[in-house]
Amino acid sequence: MKRLKKMSLLLTLGAVMAFTAACSGDEGTSANGDNSEELEGSVVIDGSGTVYPFMARMAENYMGEQENVSVEVSRSGTSAGFKKFLAEDGTDFNDASRQIKDEEKASAEELGIDVQEMKVALDGITIVINKENDWATELTQQEVIDIFLASAGKKKWSDVRPDFPDDEIKTYGPNENHGTYEFMFENILEEQDLPENINLQQDYSTLVDLVSKDKNAIGFFGYGYYDSNKDKLAAVKIDFGNGPVEPSLDTIKEDGEYAPFTRPVFTYLNTNMAKDKPQVLDYAIYTMENAQDVAAETGFAPLSDKDVQASLDALNELK
C-alpha cells in the first residue's frame, strides 16, 4: 500500500514538473530580469553627440542579452534630436546634454506626447588645447570665459596674459545643434556671444582633429571625448578660486571640485512608445539599472544611488 502511494506521488510530481517546464518554455526573460514574453522589435534613439558613447555602449550590451531587439542609436545633436523626437511617429528616446526647453515641452503637449526625463550621468565641460601648447595648461575660470567671449576681445594669447605668445587664439567648439554649445552659451557665458571667428563643427571627431593640428587652438566639449583622445589633446586645468583643477571622473560630480563646469546629461523617453512597445520600456529600465557602470566606462561620472532609484521608481510605474 505504501509503495502504491509512493508511485502515485512520484507520477503526480512528474506531471507537475512537466507542466511547469512546458509553461516556462513559452516565456522569456527581459533584460531587466522580469519574466515576460520574449521581446522583439526595435528601439530608436537619436540626439546628443556627447551622450552617444554612453548610449551606444548601453545598446550594445542590451542587444547582447536581447538578441531579437534592434537598438538604433544616432547622434544628430540635442536640438536636432528633439525635432525628431517631438514628431508624429518620432523616435523612442532623445539623448540630451541639456534639459528639455519650455518650447519643446509645449510641442510635446500639442502632439500628445508624454515625456519622461531620465538623468543618466554627469559630464564636465572640458577645455582642450594642442599638445604643443605649454603656456595655457592652467587657466582661471574667468580667463576661459574671456577667451570664448566675443565682448572680452581676447584675440591673441598675449591678451589673456602678457607672458603668453603674441599669436592669434584659434577657438573651436560644437555647433548650435549640440546641447554642449547651448550649455557653454547659456550657463558659462551667461548668454553672451561667442567670438565671430570661432570654428564650430557638427562632428566631435572633427573637433579633435582640428585642435590636435593647431598649436594655437583651444576648444571645448564633453569630458568623454577628451578622455578617449588623451594621446592627441591636453586638458586645461581650471582654477575656480581654490587652485587648478584637472577634469576627471573624481572631480566631475555635483559637489566636486570641477562643479562649476559640471552638468547632468539625459535621455528623454516617449512614454506613449513605452506603453505600446514593451521593448522600449524594458530598455529604459535596463539603462537606469546599468547607468552607473556604463557611465564610468565611457567617460562620465556616475549618478548617485538615490538618483538612479528615483528614475527606476518612475519607470516601474509605467508597467
C-alpha atoms as a PDB file:
ATOM      1  CA  MET A   1       0.000   0.000   0.000  1.00  0.00           C
ATOM      2  CA  LYS A   2       2.815   2.365   0.914  1.00  0.00           C
ATOM      3  CA  ARG A   3       4.588   1.508  -2.353  1.00  0.00           C
ATOM      4  CA  LEU A   4       1.476   2.342  -4.416  1.00  0.00           C
ATOM      5  CA  LYS A   5       1.111   5.665  -2.621  1.00  0.00           C
ATOM      6  CA  LYS A   6       4.787   6.436  -3.275  1.00  0.00           C
ATOM      7  CA  MET A   7       4.428   5.619  -7.000  1.00  0.00           C
ATOM      8  CA  SER A   8       1.288   7.767  -7.202  1.00  0.00           C
ATOM      9  CA  LEU A   9       3.122  10.687  -5.589  1.00  0.00           C
ATOM     10  CA  LEU A  10       6.062  10.371  -7.986  1.00  0.00           C
ATOM     11  CA  LEU A  11       3.726  10.338 -11.006  1.00  0.00           C
ATOM     12  CA  THR A  12       1.962  13.433  -9.705  1.00  0.00           C
ATOM     13  CA  LEU A  13       5.256  15.276  -9.148  1.00  0.00           C
ATOM     14  CA  GLY A  14       6.401  14.271 -12.614  1.00  0.00           C
ATOM     15  CA  ALA A  15       3.236  15.665 -14.190  1.00  0.00           C
ATOM     16  CA  VAL A  16       3.626  18.951 -12.282  1.00  0.00           C
ATOM     17  CA  MET A  17       7.268  19.298 -13.353  1.00  0.00           C
ATOM     18  CA  ALA A  18       6.408  18.569 -16.978  1.00  0.00           C
ATOM     19  CA  PHE A  19       3.614  21.157 -16.908  1.00  0.00           C
ATOM     20  CA  THR A  20       5.913  23.750 -15.327  1.00  0.00           C
ATOM     21  CA  ALA A  21       8.624  23.107 -17.916  1.00  0.00           C
ATOM     22  CA  ALA A  22       6.112  23.440 -20.744  1.00  0.00           C
ATOM     23  CA  CYS A  23       4.843  26.740 -19.358  1.00  0.00           C
ATOM     24  CA  SER A  24       8.338  28.127 -18.822  1.00  0.00           C
ATOM     25  CA  GLY A  25       9.220  27.254 -22.384  1.00  0.00           C
ATOM     26  CA  ASP A  26       6.589  29.730 -23.581  1.00  0.00           C
ATOM     27  CA  GLU A  27       8.152  32.587 -21.612  1.00  0.00           C
ATOM     28  CA  GLY A  28      11.370  34.577 -21.899  1.00  0.00           C
ATOM     29  CA  THR A  29      13.211  36.859 -19.551  1.00  0.00           C
ATOM     30  CA  SER A  30      13.512  40.568 -20.234  1.00  0.00           C
ATOM     31  CA  ALA A  31      16.843  42.322 -19.882  1.00  0.00           C
ATOM     32  CA  ASN A  32      15.778  43.838 -16.554  1.00  0.00           C
ATOM     33  CA  GLY A  33      15.120  40.401 -15.102  1.00  0.00           C
ATOM     34  CA  ASP A  34      11.320  40.253 -15.267  1.00  0.00           C
ATOM     35  CA  ASN A  35       9.586  37.154 -16.563  1.00  0.00           C
ATOM     36  CA  SER A  36       7.742  38.171 -19.726  1.00  0.00           C
ATOM     37  CA  GLU A  37       7.154  37.200 -23.311  1.00  0.00           C
ATOM     38  CA  GLU A  38      10.249  37.131 -25.483  1.00  0.00           C
ATOM     39  CA  LEU A  39      10.967  40.698 -26.567  1.00  0.00           C
ATOM     40  CA  GLU A  40      11.436  41.672 -30.194  1.00  0.00           C
ATOM     41  CA  GLY A  41      11.257  44.754 -32.393  1.00  0.00           C
ATOM     42  CA  SER A  42      13.203  47.995 -32.436  1.00  0.00           C
ATOM     43  CA  VAL A  43      14.225  50.832 -30.132  1.00  0.00           C
ATOM     44  CA  VAL A  44      15.070  54.111 -31.908  1.00  0.00           C
ATOM     45  CA  ILE A  45      17.317  56.707 -30.250  1.00  0.00           C
ATOM     46  CA  ASP A  46      18.771  59.987 -31.530  1.00  0.00           C
ATOM     47  CA  GLY A  47      20.129  63.193 -30.073  1.00  0.00           C
ATOM     48  CA  SER A  48      23.237  64.292 -28.235  1.00  0.00           C
ATOM     49  CA  GLY A  49      26.681  63.571 -29.625  1.00  0.00           C
ATOM     50  CA  THR A  50      28.039  63.907 -26.094  1.00  0.00           C
ATOM     51  CA  VAL A  51      25.744  61.171 -24.753  1.00  0.00           C
ATOM     52  CA  TYR A  52      26.283  58.980 -27.833  1.00  0.00           C
ATOM     53  CA  PRO A  53      29.248  56.921 -26.488  1.00  0.00           C
ATOM     54  CA  PHE A  54      27.282  56.134 -23.325  1.00  0.00           C
ATOM     55  CA  MET A  55      24.144  55.127 -25.214  1.00  0.00           C
ATOM     56  CA  ALA A  56      25.991  53.215 -27.935  1.00  0.00           C
ATOM     57  CA  ARG A  57      27.695  51.073 -25.278  1.00  0.00           C
ATOM     58  CA  MET A  58      24.376  50.590 -23.474  1.00  0.00           C
ATOM     59  CA  ALA A  59      22.697  49.483 -26.715  1.00  0.00           C
ATOM     60  CA  GLU A  60      25.474  47.036 -27.500  1.00  0.00           C
ATOM     61  CA  ASN A  61      25.215  45.487 -24.033  1.00  0.00           C
ATOM     62  CA  TYR A  62      21.428  45.264 -24.222  1.00  0.00           C
ATOM     63  CA  MET A  63      21.372  43.600 -27.638  1.00  0.00           C
ATOM     64  CA  GLY A  64      23.815  41.045 -26.279  1.00  0.00           C
ATOM     65  CA  GLU A  65      21.067  39.998 -23.873  1.00  0.00           C
ATOM     66  CA  GLN A  66      18.035  40.614 -26.088  1.00  0.00           C
ATOM     67  CA  GLU A  67      19.034  39.249 -29.485  1.00  0.00           C
ATOM     68  CA  ASN A  68      15.631  39.878 -31.078  1.00  0.00           C
ATOM     69  CA  VAL A  69      15.614  43.606 -30.267  1.00  0.00           C
ATOM     70  CA  SER A  70      17.420  46.085 -32.525  1.00  0.00           C
ATOM     71  CA  VAL A  71      18.543  49.283 -30.781  1.00  0.00           C
ATOM     72  CA  GLU A  72      19.413  52.039 -33.272  1.00  0.00           C
ATOM     73  CA  VAL A  73      21.458  54.927 -31.844  1.00  0.00           C
ATOM     74  CA  SER A  74      22.138  58.099 -33.889  1.00  0.00           C
ATOM     75  CA  ARG A  75      23.731  61.436 -32.946  1.00  0.00           C
ATOM     76  CA  SER A  76      22.259  64.420 -34.778  1.00  0.00           C
ATOM     77  CA  GLY A  77      22.731  66.656 -31.717  1.00  0.00           C
ATOM     78  CA  THR A  78      20.456  67.505 -28.797  1.00  0.00           C
ATOM     79  CA  SER A  79      18.317  70.143 -30.504  1.00  0.00           C
ATOM     80  CA  ALA A  80      18.103  68.350 -33.851  1.00  0.00           C
ATOM     81  CA  GLY A  81      17.274  65.158 -31.978  1.00  0.00           C
ATOM     82  CA  PHE A  82      14.394  66.808 -30.134  1.00  0.00           C
ATOM     83  CA  LYS A  83      12.872  67.772 -33.507  1.00  0.00           C
ATOM     84  CA  LYS A  84      12.870  64.094 -34.495  1.00  0.00           C
ATOM     85  CA  PHE A  85      11.613  63.028 -31.071  1.00  0.00           C
ATOM     86  CA  LEU A  86       8.778  65.565 -31.000  1.00  0.00           C
ATOM     87  CA  ALA A  87       7.059  64.445 -34.185  1.00  0.00           C
ATOM     88  CA  GLU A  88       4.353  62.030 -35.206  1.00  0.00           C
ATOM     89  CA  ASP A  89       5.948  58.579 -35.295  1.00  0.00           C
ATOM     90  CA  GLY A  90       9.054  60.123 -33.749  1.00  0.00           C
ATOM     91  CA  THR A  91      11.969  58.431 -32.005  1.00  0.00           C
ATOM     92  CA  ASP A  92      11.529  56.478 -28.777  1.00  0.00           C
ATOM     93  CA  PHE A  93      14.289  58.321 -26.906  1.00  0.00           C
ATOM     94  CA  ASN A  94      16.194  61.567 -27.327  1.00  0.00           C
ATOM     95  CA  ASP A  95      19.623  61.847 -25.717  1.00  0.00           C
ATOM     96  CA  ALA A  96      20.336  65.348 -24.461  1.00  0.00           C
ATOM     97  CA  SER A  97      23.259  67.190 -22.922  1.00  0.00           C
ATOM     98  CA  ARG A  98      20.845  69.802 -21.560  1.00  0.00           C
ATOM     99  CA  GLN A  99      17.341  69.755 -20.143  1.00  0.00           C
ATOM    100  CA  ILE A 100      14.300  69.959 -22.380  1.00  0.00           C
ATOM    101  CA  LYS A 101      13.255  73.561 -23.111  1.00  0.00           C
ATOM    102  CA  ASP A 102       9.836  75.093 -22.440  1.00  0.00           C
ATOM    103  CA  GLU A 103       9.063  75.368 -26.150  1.00  0.00           C
ATOM    104  CA  GLU A 104       9.939  71.699 -26.616  1.00  0.00           C
ATOM    105  CA  LYS A 105       7.641  70.785 -23.729  1.00  0.00           C
ATOM    106  CA  ALA A 106       4.896  72.803 -25.425  1.00  0.00           C
ATOM    107  CA  SER A 107       5.436  70.919 -28.685  1.00  0.00           C
ATOM    108  CA  ALA A 108       5.183  67.621 -26.830  1.00  0.00           C
ATOM    109  CA  GLU A 109       1.913  68.706 -25.229  1.00  0.00           C
ATOM    110  CA  GLU A 110       0.463  69.773 -28.582  1.00  0.00           C
ATOM    111  CA  LEU A 111       1.327  66.373 -30.057  1.00  0.00           C
ATOM    112  CA  GLY A 112       0.011  64.483 -27.054  1.00  0.00           C
ATOM    113  CA  ILE A 113       3.457  63.074 -26.277  1.00  0.00           C
ATOM    114  CA  ASP A 114       4.122  62.298 -22.629  1.00  0.00           C
ATOM    115  CA  VAL A 115       7.838  62.840 -21.989  1.00  0.00           C
ATOM    116  CA  GLN A 116       9.805  61.363 -19.092  1.00  0.00           C
ATOM    117  CA  GLU A 117      13.211  62.796 -18.201  1.00  0.00           C
ATOM    118  CA  MET A 118      15.921  60.280 -17.313  1.00  0.00           C
ATOM    119  CA  LYS A 119      19.163  61.707 -15.925  1.00  0.00           C
ATOM    120  CA  VAL A 120      21.820  59.130 -16.849  1.00  0.00           C
ATOM    121  CA  ALA A 121      25.235  60.559 -15.863  1.00  0.00           C
ATOM    122  CA  LEU A 122      27.342  63.635 -15.081  1.00  0.00           C
ATOM    123  CA  ASP A 123      29.697  65.302 -17.568  1.00  0.00           C
ATOM    124  CA  GLY A 124      32.309  68.021 -17.328  1.00  0.00           C
ATOM    125  CA  ILE A 125      32.809  70.688 -19.994  1.00  0.00           C
ATOM    126  CA  THR A 126      36.475  70.120 -20.800  1.00  0.00           C
ATOM    127  CA  ILE A 127      38.693  72.831 -22.248  1.00  0.00           C
ATOM    128  CA  VAL A 128      41.221  71.223 -24.586  1.00  0.00           C
ATOM    129  CA  ILE A 129      44.425  72.517 -26.183  1.00  0.00           C
ATOM    130  CA  ASN A 130      47.069  71.281 -28.576  1.00  0.00           C
ATOM    131  CA  LYS A 131      49.762  69.023 -27.126  1.00  0.00           C
ATOM    132  CA  GLU A 132      52.424  71.593 -28.089  1.00  0.00           C
ATOM    133  CA  ASN A 133      50.726  74.358 -26.111  1.00  0.00           C
ATOM    134  CA  ASP A 134      52.881  74.648 -22.981  1.00  0.00           C
ATOM    135  CA  TRP A 135      51.665  78.069 -21.790  1.00  0.00           C
ATOM    136  CA  ALA A 136      47.890  77.679 -21.281  1.00  0.00           C
ATOM    137  CA  THR A 137      47.923  74.398 -19.356  1.00  0.00           C
ATOM    138  CA  GLU A 138      46.328  76.165 -16.372  1.00  0.00           C
ATOM    139  CA  LEU A 139      43.757  78.966 -16.677  1.00  0.00           C
ATOM    140  CA  THR A 140      41.369  80.667 -14.293  1.00  0.00           C
ATOM    141  CA  GLN A 141      37.638  80.309 -14.832  1.00  0.00           C
ATOM    142  CA  GLN A 142      37.447  83.976 -15.884  1.00  0.00           C
ATOM    143  CA  GLU A 143      40.294  83.565 -18.399  1.00  0.00           C
ATOM    144  CA  VAL A 144      38.416  80.674 -20.030  1.00  0.00           C
ATOM    145  CA  ILE A 145      35.265  82.783 -20.182  1.00  0.00           C
ATOM    146  CA  ASP A 146      37.165  85.718 -21.675  1.00  0.00           C
ATOM    147  CA  ILE A 147      38.742  83.537 -24.380  1.00  0.00           C
ATOM    148  CA  PHE A 148      35.308  82.341 -25.551  1.00  0.00           C
ATOM    149  CA  LEU A 149      33.512  85.658 -25.019  1.00  0.00           C
ATOM    150  CA  ALA A 150      33.312  87.960 -28.040  1.00  0.00           C
ATOM    151  CA  SER A 151      32.978  91.123 -25.962  1.00  0.00           C
ATOM    152  CA  ALA A 152      36.166  90.380 -23.974  1.00  0.00           C
ATOM    153  CA  GLY A 153      38.236  90.952 -27.115  1.00  0.00           C
ATOM    154  CA  LYS A 154      40.918  88.355 -26.343  1.00  0.00           C
ATOM    155  CA  LYS A 155      42.207  87.805 -29.878  1.00  0.00           C
ATOM    156  CA  LYS A 156      45.813  86.916 -29.082  1.00  0.00           C
ATOM    157  CA  TRP A 157      47.229  84.731 -26.340  1.00  0.00           C
ATOM    158  CA  SER A 158      49.139  87.774 -25.046  1.00  0.00           C
ATOM    159  CA  ASP A 159      45.745  89.447 -24.484  1.00  0.00           C
ATOM    160  CA  VAL A 160      44.995  86.762 -21.891  1.00  0.00           C
ATOM    161  CA  ARG A 161      48.357  87.091 -20.103  1.00  0.00           C
ATOM    162  CA  PRO A 162      51.253  89.341 -21.165  1.00  0.00           C
ATOM    163  CA  ASP A 163      53.754  86.484 -20.935  1.00  0.00           C
ATOM    164  CA  PHE A 164      51.747  84.296 -23.337  1.00  0.00           C
ATOM    165  CA  PRO A 165      52.799  84.199 -27.050  1.00  0.00           C
ATOM    166  CA  ASP A 166      51.801  87.061 -29.315  1.00  0.00           C
ATOM    167  CA  ASP A 167      49.877  84.642 -31.559  1.00  0.00           C
ATOM    168  CA  GLU A 168      46.226  84.565 -32.599  1.00  0.00           C
ATOM    169  CA  ILE A 169      43.937  82.368 -30.497  1.00  0.00           C
ATOM    170  CA  LYS A 170      42.008  79.806 -32.578  1.00  0.00           C
ATOM    171  CA  THR A 171      38.769  78.854 -30.816  1.00  0.00           C
ATOM    172  CA  TYR A 172      36.803  75.692 -31.579  1.00  0.00           C
ATOM    173  CA  GLY A 173      33.586  74.071 -30.360  1.00  0.00           C
ATOM    174  CA  PRO A 174      30.458  72.108 -31.289  1.00  0.00           C
ATOM    175  CA  ASN A 175      27.800  73.907 -33.311  1.00  0.00           C
ATOM    176  CA  GLU A 176      24.321  75.069 -32.304  1.00  0.00           C
ATOM    177  CA  ASN A 177      22.764  71.619 -32.801  1.00  0.00           C
ATOM    178  CA  HIS A 178      24.538  70.443 -29.668  1.00  0.00           C
ATOM    179  CA  GLY A 179      23.491  70.847 -26.050  1.00  0.00           C
ATOM    180  CA  THR A 180      27.166  71.378 -25.220  1.00  0.00           C
ATOM    181  CA  TYR A 181      27.159  74.590 -27.269  1.00  0.00           C
ATOM    182  CA  GLU A 182      23.988  75.702 -25.500  1.00  0.00           C
ATOM    183  CA  PHE A 183      25.428  74.918 -22.063  1.00  0.00           C
ATOM    184  CA  MET A 184      28.531  76.955 -22.862  1.00  0.00           C
ATOM    185  CA  PHE A 185      26.437  79.845 -24.222  1.00  0.00           C
ATOM    186  CA  GLU A 186      23.733  79.845 -21.544  1.00  0.00           C
ATOM    187  CA  ASN A 187      25.457  78.661 -18.374  1.00  0.00           C
ATOM    188  CA  ILE A 188      29.141  79.543 -18.687  1.00  0.00           C
ATOM    189  CA  LEU A 189      28.959  82.656 -20.895  1.00  0.00           C
ATOM    190  CA  GLU A 190      25.577  83.715 -19.448  1.00  0.00           C
ATOM    191  CA  GLU A 191      24.047  84.113 -22.935  1.00  0.00           C
ATOM    192  CA  GLN A 192      26.751  86.415 -24.258  1.00  0.00           C
ATOM    193  CA  ASP A 193      28.042  85.852 -27.784  1.00  0.00           C
ATOM    194  CA  LEU A 194      30.970  83.633 -28.699  1.00  0.00           C
ATOM    195  CA  PRO A 195      33.711  85.060 -30.990  1.00  0.00           C
ATOM    196  CA  GLU A 196      32.640  85.604 -34.597  1.00  0.00           C
ATOM    197  CA  ASN A 197      35.608  83.625 -35.915  1.00  0.00           C
ATOM    198  CA  ILE A 198      35.081  80.557 -33.687  1.00  0.00           C
ATOM    199  CA  ASN A 199      35.201  77.331 -35.692  1.00  0.00           C
ATOM    200  CA  LEU A 200      32.018  75.380 -34.847  1.00  0.00           C
ATOM    201  CA  GLN A 201      31.599  71.800 -36.008  1.00  0.00           C
ATOM    202  CA  GLN A 202      28.823  69.190 -36.038  1.00  0.00           C
ATOM    203  CA  ASP A 203      31.122  66.208 -35.549  1.00  0.00           C
ATOM    204  CA  TYR A 204      33.218  65.831 -32.404  1.00  0.00           C
ATOM    205  CA  SER A 205      35.877  63.754 -34.135  1.00  0.00           C
ATOM    206  CA  THR A 206      36.429  66.700 -36.491  1.00  0.00           C
ATOM    207  CA  LEU A 207      36.971  68.991 -33.498  1.00  0.00           C
ATOM    208  CA  VAL A 208      39.513  66.585 -32.020  1.00  0.00           C
ATOM    209  CA  ASP A 209      41.371  66.510 -35.317  1.00  0.00           C
ATOM    210  CA  LEU A 210      41.370  70.312 -35.769  1.00  0.00           C
ATOM    211  CA  VAL A 211      42.640  71.071 -32.265  1.00  0.00           C
ATOM    212  CA  SER A 212      45.294  68.345 -32.495  1.00  0.00           C
ATOM    213  CA  LYS A 213      46.733  70.000 -35.626  1.00  0.00           C
ATOM    214  CA  ASP A 214      46.700  73.648 -34.486  1.00  0.00           C
ATOM    215  CA  LYS A 215      49.242  74.784 -31.870  1.00  0.00           C
ATOM    216  CA  ASN A 216      47.180  77.878 -31.064  1.00  0.00           C
ATOM    217  CA  ALA A 217      43.876  76.018 -30.786  1.00  0.00           C
ATOM    218  CA  ILE A 218      41.618  75.895 -27.752  1.00  0.00           C
ATOM    219  CA  GLY A 219      38.264  74.142 -27.788  1.00  0.00           C
ATOM    220  CA  PHE A 220      35.527  72.724 -25.582  1.00  0.00           C
ATOM    221  CA  PHE A 221      33.404  69.573 -25.428  1.00  0.00           C
ATOM    222  CA  GLY A 222      32.390  66.815 -23.030  1.00  0.00           C
ATOM    223  CA  TYR A 223      34.985  65.015 -20.913  1.00  0.00           C
ATOM    224  CA  GLY A 224      34.414  61.655 -22.613  1.00  0.00           C
ATOM    225  CA  TYR A 225      35.735  62.870 -25.954  1.00  0.00           C
ATOM    226  CA  TYR A 226      38.870  64.187 -24.296  1.00  0.00           C
ATOM    227  CA  ASP A 227      39.292  61.006 -22.251  1.00  0.00           C
ATOM    228  CA  SER A 228      39.263  58.857 -25.388  1.00  0.00           C
ATOM    229  CA  ASN A 229      41.716  61.188 -27.179  1.00  0.00           C
ATOM    230  CA  LYS A 230      44.332  61.893 -24.500  1.00  0.00           C
ATOM    231  CA  ASP A 231      47.032  60.859 -26.928  1.00  0.00           C
ATOM    232  CA  LYS A 232      46.079  63.773 -29.215  1.00  0.00           C
ATOM    233  CA  LEU A 233      44.977  66.548 -26.836  1.00  0.00           C
ATOM    234  CA  ALA A 234      45.711  68.094 -23.453  1.00  0.00           C
ATOM    235  CA  ALA A 235      43.087  69.255 -20.947  1.00  0.00           C
ATOM    236  CA  VAL A 236      43.376  72.657 -19.313  1.00  0.00           C
ATOM    237  CA  LYS A 237      43.318  72.689 -15.522  1.00  0.00           C
ATOM    238  CA  ILE A 238      40.795  75.293 -14.356  1.00  0.00           C
ATOM    239  CA  ASP A 239      41.246  77.442 -11.266  1.00  0.00           C
ATOM    240  CA  PHE A 240      37.778  78.134  -9.861  1.00  0.00           C
ATOM    241  CA  GLY A 241      39.242  80.026  -6.915  1.00  0.00           C
ATOM    242  CA  ASN A 242      40.976  77.321  -4.900  1.00  0.00           C
ATOM    243  CA  GLY A 243      43.768  76.273  -7.234  1.00  0.00           C
ATOM    244  CA  PRO A 244      43.887  74.462 -10.606  1.00  0.00           C
ATOM    245  CA  VAL A 245      41.510  71.500 -11.002  1.00  0.00           C
ATOM    246  CA  GLU A 246      42.019  68.825 -13.630  1.00  0.00           C
ATOM    247  CA  PRO A 247      38.818  67.365 -15.105  1.00  0.00           C
ATOM    248  CA  SER A 248      38.477  63.699 -14.123  1.00  0.00           C
ATOM    249  CA  LEU A 249      35.821  61.225 -13.016  1.00  0.00           C
ATOM    250  CA  ASP A 250      36.780  62.089  -9.429  1.00  0.00           C
ATOM    251  CA  THR A 251      36.384  65.868  -9.815  1.00  0.00           C
ATOM    252  CA  ILE A 252      33.357  65.855 -12.164  1.00  0.00           C
ATOM    253  CA  LYS A 253      30.385  65.484  -9.854  1.00  0.00           C
ATOM    254  CA  GLU A 254      27.630  67.655  -8.426  1.00  0.00           C
ATOM    255  CA  ASP A 255      29.637  68.759  -5.391  1.00  0.00           C
ATOM    256  CA  GLY A 256      33.082  68.061  -6.827  1.00  0.00           C
ATOM    257  CA  GLU A 257      35.977  70.439  -7.373  1.00  0.00           C
ATOM    258  CA  TYR A 258      35.038  70.764 -11.068  1.00  0.00           C
ATOM    259  CA  ALA A 259      31.389  71.520 -10.236  1.00  0.00           C
ATOM    260  CA  PRO A 260      31.154  74.950 -11.986  1.00  0.00           C
ATOM    261  CA  PHE A 261      31.751  73.212 -15.341  1.00  0.00           C
ATOM    262  CA  THR A 262      29.824  70.035 -14.458  1.00  0.00           C
ATOM    263  CA  ARG A 263      26.372  69.244 -15.848  1.00  0.00           C
ATOM    264  CA  PRO A 264      23.950  66.320 -15.880  1.00  0.00           C
ATOM    265  CA  VAL A 265      23.223  64.552 -19.168  1.00  0.00           C
ATOM    266  CA  PHE A 266      19.926  62.913 -20.024  1.00  0.00           C
ATOM    267  CA  THR A 267      17.863  60.730 -22.229  1.00  0.00           C
ATOM    268  CA  TYR A 268      14.174  61.537 -22.700  1.00  0.00           C
ATOM    269  CA  LEU A 269      11.613  58.767 -23.073  1.00  0.00           C
ATOM    270  CA  ASN A 270       8.387  58.961 -25.067  1.00  0.00           C
ATOM    271  CA  THR A 271       6.196  57.132 -22.560  1.00  0.00           C
ATOM    272  CA  ASN A 272       3.490  56.602 -25.199  1.00  0.00           C
ATOM    273  CA  MET A 273       6.014  54.436 -27.061  1.00  0.00           C
ATOM    274  CA  ALA A 274       6.975  52.705 -23.817  1.00  0.00           C
ATOM    275  CA  LYS A 275       3.360  51.672 -23.243  1.00  0.00           C
ATOM    276  CA  ASP A 276       2.878  50.461 -26.824  1.00  0.00           C
ATOM    277  CA  LYS A 277       6.250  48.741 -27.261  1.00  0.00           C
ATOM    278  CA  PRO A 278       7.384  46.523 -24.356  1.00  0.00           C
ATOM    279  CA  GLN A 279      10.991  46.530 -25.561  1.00  0.00           C
ATOM    280  CA  VAL A 280      11.154  50.333 -25.217  1.00  0.00           C
ATOM    281  CA  LEU A 281      10.184  50.285 -21.537  1.00  0.00           C
ATOM    282  CA  ASP A 282      12.458  47.301 -20.938  1.00  0.00           C
ATOM    283  CA  TYR A 283      15.366  49.191 -22.498  1.00  0.00           C
ATOM    284  CA  ALA A 284      14.633  52.273 -20.371  1.00  0.00           C
ATOM    285  CA  ILE A 285      14.725  50.213 -17.175  1.00  0.00           C
ATOM    286  CA  TYR A 286      17.861  48.382 -18.322  1.00  0.00           C
ATOM    287  CA  THR A 287      19.547  51.745 -18.997  1.00  0.00           C
ATOM    288  CA  MET A 288      18.963  53.008 -15.472  1.00  0.00           C
ATOM    289  CA  GLU A 289      19.909  49.682 -13.868  1.00  0.00           C
ATOM    290  CA  ASN A 290      23.259  49.787 -15.673  1.00  0.00           C
ATOM    291  CA  ALA A 291      23.801  53.569 -15.889  1.00  0.00           C
ATOM    292  CA  GLN A 292      26.490  53.805 -13.223  1.00  0.00           C
ATOM    293  CA  ASP A 293      28.700  51.089 -14.739  1.00  0.00           C
ATOM    294  CA  VAL A 294      28.349  52.289 -18.329  1.00  0.00           C
ATOM    295  CA  ALA A 295      28.959  55.917 -17.301  1.00  0.00           C
ATOM    296  CA  ALA A 296      32.315  55.071 -15.754  1.00  0.00           C
ATOM    297  CA  GLU A 297      33.271  53.023 -18.837  1.00  0.00           C
ATOM    298  CA  THR A 298      32.508  55.848 -21.286  1.00  0.00           C
ATOM    299  CA  GLY A 299      33.975  58.954 -19.636  1.00  0.00           C
ATOM    300  CA  PHE A 300      31.115  60.102 -17.395  1.00  0.00           C
ATOM    301  CA  ALA A 301      30.821  60.438 -13.633  1.00  0.00           C
ATOM    302  CA  PRO A 302      28.182  58.018 -12.323  1.00  0.00           C
ATOM    303  CA  LEU A 303      24.960  59.177 -10.684  1.00  0.00           C
ATOM    304  CA  SER A 304      24.217  58.618  -7.016  1.00  0.00           C
ATOM    305  CA  ASP A 305      22.203  55.554  -5.979  1.00  0.00           C
ATOM    306  CA  LYS A 306      19.405  57.933  -4.966  1.00  0.00           C
ATOM    307  CA  ASP A 307      19.146  59.476  -8.453  1.00  0.00           C
ATOM    308  CA  VAL A 308      19.161  56.069 -10.132  1.00  0.00           C
ATOM    309  CA  GLN A 309      16.453  54.715  -7.837  1.00  0.00           C
ATOM    310  CA  ALA A 310      14.240  57.772  -8.406  1.00  0.00           C
ATOM    311  CA  SER A 311      14.288  57.122 -12.173  1.00  0.00           C
ATOM    312  CA  LEU A 312      13.666  53.412 -11.722  1.00  0.00           C
ATOM    313  CA  ASP A 313      10.691  54.095  -9.461  1.00  0.00           C
ATOM    314  CA  ALA A 314       9.165  56.388 -12.095  1.00  0.00           C
ATOM    315  CA  LEU A 315       9.761  53.856 -14.879  1.00  0.00           C
ATOM    316  CA  ASN A 316       8.306  50.959 -12.897  1.00  0.00           C
ATOM    317  CA  GLU A 317       5.087  52.945 -12.516  1.00  0.00           C
ATOM    318  CA  LEU A 318       4.652  52.681 -16.302  1.00  0.00           C
ATOM    319  CA  LYS A 319       4.389  48.885 -16.168  1.00  0.00           C
END
